[in-house]
Amino acid sequence: MPSYSYTSSSSSFSSNINGRQTGHSYKETSQTTPEGTTVRTTSQNLGERPVTHTQQFDSQGRELIGDNTGGASRRIEDVSSEEADHGYKERMEDEYAKREGGA
């Protein structure tokens, strides 16, 4: 029997530092069919337009690039929630440091 799945997660952050309002939201969805997986990430900074990035992978986990031939060497890898959360937190901290002039 074919396997199908759909997952979605989102997070947001906002703060007011010295009267300056900042904020960021992030959403990721993943849809898997027998043919492969589509991952969409959308991020948005307060006051800016959202940016969406889509990645497609074949049924073997190879990223489909350009003409969708599957010739790329990148693959989907399973990571624990803790590893994923840690990686996300590090990326967000780096991003905020850049915006504040700290990196």
C-alpha atoms as a PDB file:
ATOM      1  CA  MET A   1       0.000   0.000   0.000  1.00  0.00           C
ATOM      2  CA  PRO A   2       1.441   3.426  -0.948  1.00  0.00           C
ATOM      3  CA  SER A   3       2.588   5.713   1.841  1.00  0.00           C
ATOM      4  CA  TYR A   4       1.456   9.334   2.093  1.00  0.00           C
ATOM      5  CA  SER A   5       2.220  11.875   4.798  1.00  0.00           C
ATOM      6  CA  TYR A   6       1.872  15.576   5.488  1.00  0.00           C
ATOM      7  CA  THR A   7       3.531  17.537   8.282  1.00  0.00           C
ATOM      8  CA  SER A   8       3.493  21.190   9.163  1.00  0.00           C
ATOM      9  CA  SER A   9       5.245  23.243  11.816  1.00  0.00           C
ATOM     10  CA  SER A  10       5.574  26.929  12.502  1.00  0.00           C
ATOM     11  CA  SER A  11       7.127  29.330  14.952  1.00  0.00           C
ATOM     12  CA  SER A  12       7.236  33.051  15.495  1.00  0.00           C
ATOM     13  CA  PHE A  13       9.221  35.517  17.527  1.00  0.00           C
ATOM     14  CA  SER A  14       8.675  39.163  18.349  1.00  0.00           C
ATOM     15  CA  SER A  15      10.295  41.671  20.655  1.00  0.00           C
ATOM     16  CA  ASN A  16      10.416  45.333  21.430  1.00  0.00           C
ATOM     17  CA  ILE A  17      13.951  46.544  22.080  1.00  0.00           C
ATOM     18  CA  ASN A  18      14.360  50.220  22.975  1.00  0.00           C
ATOM     19  CA  GLY A  19      11.059  50.986  21.278  1.00  0.00           C
ATOM     20  CA  ARG A  20      11.996  49.118  18.105  1.00  0.00           C
ATOM     21  CA  GLN A  21       9.569  46.321  17.261  1.00  0.00           C
ATOM     22  CA  THR A  22      11.096  43.264  15.587  1.00  0.00           C
ATOM     23  CA  GLY A  23       9.607  39.946  14.642  1.00  0.00           C
ATOM     24  CA  HIS A  24      10.048  36.862  12.532  1.00  0.00           C
ATOM     25  CA  SER A  25       7.831  33.946  11.585  1.00  0.00           C
ATOM     26  CA  TYR A  26       8.752  30.626  10.028  1.00  0.00           C
ATOM     27  CA  LYS A  27       6.623  27.810   8.616  1.00  0.00           C
ATOM     28  CA  GLU A  28       7.638  24.492   7.099  1.00  0.00           C
ATOM     29  CA  THR A  29       5.406  21.949   5.412  1.00  0.00           C
ATOM     30  CA  SER A  30       6.361  18.562   4.049  1.00  0.00           C
ATOM     31  CA  GLN A  31       4.220  16.385   1.808  1.00  0.00           C
ATOM     32  CA  THR A  32       5.326  12.869   0.907  1.00  0.00           C
ATOM     33  CA  THR A  33       3.824  10.623  -1.762  1.00  0.00           C
ATOM     34  CA  PRO A  34       5.162   7.423  -3.328  1.00  0.00           C
ATOM     35  CA  GLU A  35       6.796   9.621  -6.012  1.00  0.00           C
ATOM     36  CA  GLY A  36       8.751  11.758  -3.538  1.00  0.00           C
ATOM     37  CA  THR A  37       8.658  14.636  -1.080  1.00  0.00           C
ATOM     38  CA  THR A  38       7.998  18.364  -1.395  1.00  0.00           C
ATOM     39  CA  VAL A  39       9.249  20.649   1.380  1.00  0.00           C
ATOM     40  CA  ARG A  40       8.117  24.277   1.525  1.00  0.00           C
ATOM     41  CA  THR A  41       9.569  26.802   3.951  1.00  0.00           C
ATOM     42  CA  THR A  42       8.183  30.284   4.363  1.00  0.00           C
ATOM     43  CA  SER A  43       9.811  32.957   6.483  1.00  0.00           C
ATOM     44  CA  GLN A  44       8.839  36.538   7.088  1.00  0.00           C
ATOM     45  CA  ASN A  45      10.348  39.425   8.994  1.00  0.00           C
ATOM     46  CA  LEU A  46       8.017  41.967  10.549  1.00  0.00           C
ATOM     47  CA  GLY A  47       7.020  44.544   7.948  1.00  0.00           C
ATOM     48  CA  GLU A  48       8.452  42.562   5.026  1.00  0.00           C
ATOM     49  CA  ARG A  49       6.950  40.249   2.445  1.00  0.00           C
ATOM     50  CA  PRO A  50       7.091  36.496   3.079  1.00  0.00           C
ATOM     51  CA  VAL A  51       9.752  34.459   1.281  1.00  0.00           C
ATOM     52  CA  THR A  52       8.921  30.888   0.243  1.00  0.00           C
ATOM     53  CA  HIS A  53      11.466  28.248  -0.745  1.00  0.00           C
ATOM     54  CA  THR A  54      10.425  24.908  -2.254  1.00  0.00           C
ATOM     55  CA  GLN A  55      12.568  21.777  -2.468  1.00  0.00           C
ATOM     56  CA  GLN A  56      11.563  18.547  -4.167  1.00  0.00           C
ATOM     57  CA  PHE A  57      13.054  15.102  -3.610  1.00  0.00           C
ATOM     58  CA  ASP A  58      12.505  11.868  -5.509  1.00  0.00           C
ATOM     59  CA  SER A  59      11.427   8.644  -3.802  1.00  0.00           C
ATOM     60  CA  GLN A  60      15.093   7.813  -3.066  1.00  0.00           C
ATOM     61  CA  GLY A  61      15.650  11.112  -1.221  1.00  0.00           C
ATOM     62  CA  ARG A  62      17.684  12.818  -3.967  1.00  0.00           C
ATOM     63  CA  GLU A  63      16.952  16.499  -4.408  1.00  0.00           C
ATOM     64  CA  LEU A  64      15.424  17.350  -7.774  1.00  0.00           C
ATOM     65  CA  ILE A  65      17.128  20.405  -9.230  1.00  0.00           C
ATOM     66  CA  GLY A  66      16.270  22.266 -12.421  1.00  0.00           C
ATOM     67  CA  ASP A  67      14.874  19.707 -14.835  1.00  0.00           C
ATOM     68  CA  ASN A  68      13.893  17.304 -12.005  1.00  0.00           C
ATOM     69  CA  THR A  69      16.174  14.519 -13.228  1.00  0.00           C
ATOM     70  CA  GLY A  70      17.343  13.688  -9.708  1.00  0.00           C
ATOM     71  CA  GLY A  71      21.019  13.983 -10.583  1.00  0.00           C
ATOM     72  CA  ALA A  72      21.880  15.938  -7.438  1.00  0.00           C
ATOM     73  CA  SER A  73      23.830  14.331  -4.634  1.00  0.00           C
ATOM     74  CA  ARG A  74      21.991  15.984  -1.731  1.00  0.00           C
ATOM     75  CA  ARG A  75      19.622  13.741   0.251  1.00  0.00           C
ATOM     76  CA  ILE A  76      16.975  13.965   2.944  1.00  0.00           C
ATOM     77  CA  GLU A  77      18.374  12.811   6.274  1.00  0.00           C
ATOM     78  CA  ASP A  78      16.480  11.826   9.398  1.00  0.00           C
ATOM     79  CA  VAL A  79      17.424  13.873  12.437  1.00  0.00           C
ATOM     80  CA  SER A  80      15.998  13.794  15.923  1.00  0.00           C
ATOM     81  CA  SER A  81      13.696  16.597  17.028  1.00  0.00           C
ATOM     82  CA  GLU A  82      16.379  17.717  19.448  1.00  0.00           C
ATOM     83  CA  GLU A  83      18.984  17.998  16.661  1.00  0.00           C
ATOM     84  CA  ALA A  84      16.529  19.831  14.413  1.00  0.00           C
ATOM     85  CA  ASP A  85      15.523  22.234  17.203  1.00  0.00           C
ATOM     86  CA  HIS A  86      19.168  22.917  18.061  1.00  0.00           C
ATOM     87  CA  GLY A  87      20.036  23.595  14.414  1.00  0.00           C
ATOM     88  CA  TYR A  88      17.034  25.872  13.969  1.00  0.00           C
ATOM     89  CA  LYS A  89      17.869  27.785  17.146  1.00  0.00           C
ATOM     90  CA  GLU A  90      21.473  28.298  16.001  1.00  0.00           C
ATOM     91  CA  ARG A  91      20.359  29.553  12.570  1.00  0.00           C
ATOM     92  CA  MET A  92      17.865  31.968  14.142  1.00  0.00           C
ATOM     93  CA  GLU A  93      20.464  33.296  16.610  1.00  0.00           C
ATOM     94  CA  ASP A  94      22.929  33.827  13.757  1.00  0.00           C
ATOM     95  CA  GLU A  95      20.290  35.615  11.705  1.00  0.00           C
ATOM     96  CA  TYR A  96      19.325  37.944  14.544  1.00  0.00           C
ATOM     97  CA  ALA A  97      22.996  38.638  15.303  1.00  0.00           C
ATOM     98  CA  LYS A  98      23.502  39.679  11.665  1.00  0.00           C
ATOM     99  CA  ARG A  99      20.530  42.026  11.819  1.00  0.00           C
ATOM    100  CA  GLU A 100      21.757  43.581  15.050  1.00  0.00           C
ATOM    101  CA  GLY A 101      25.272  43.988  13.652  1.00  0.00           C
ATOM    102  CA  GLY A 102      26.803  41.355  15.903  1.00  0.00           C
ATOM    103  CA  ALA A 103      28.079  39.003  13.207  1.00  0.00           C
END
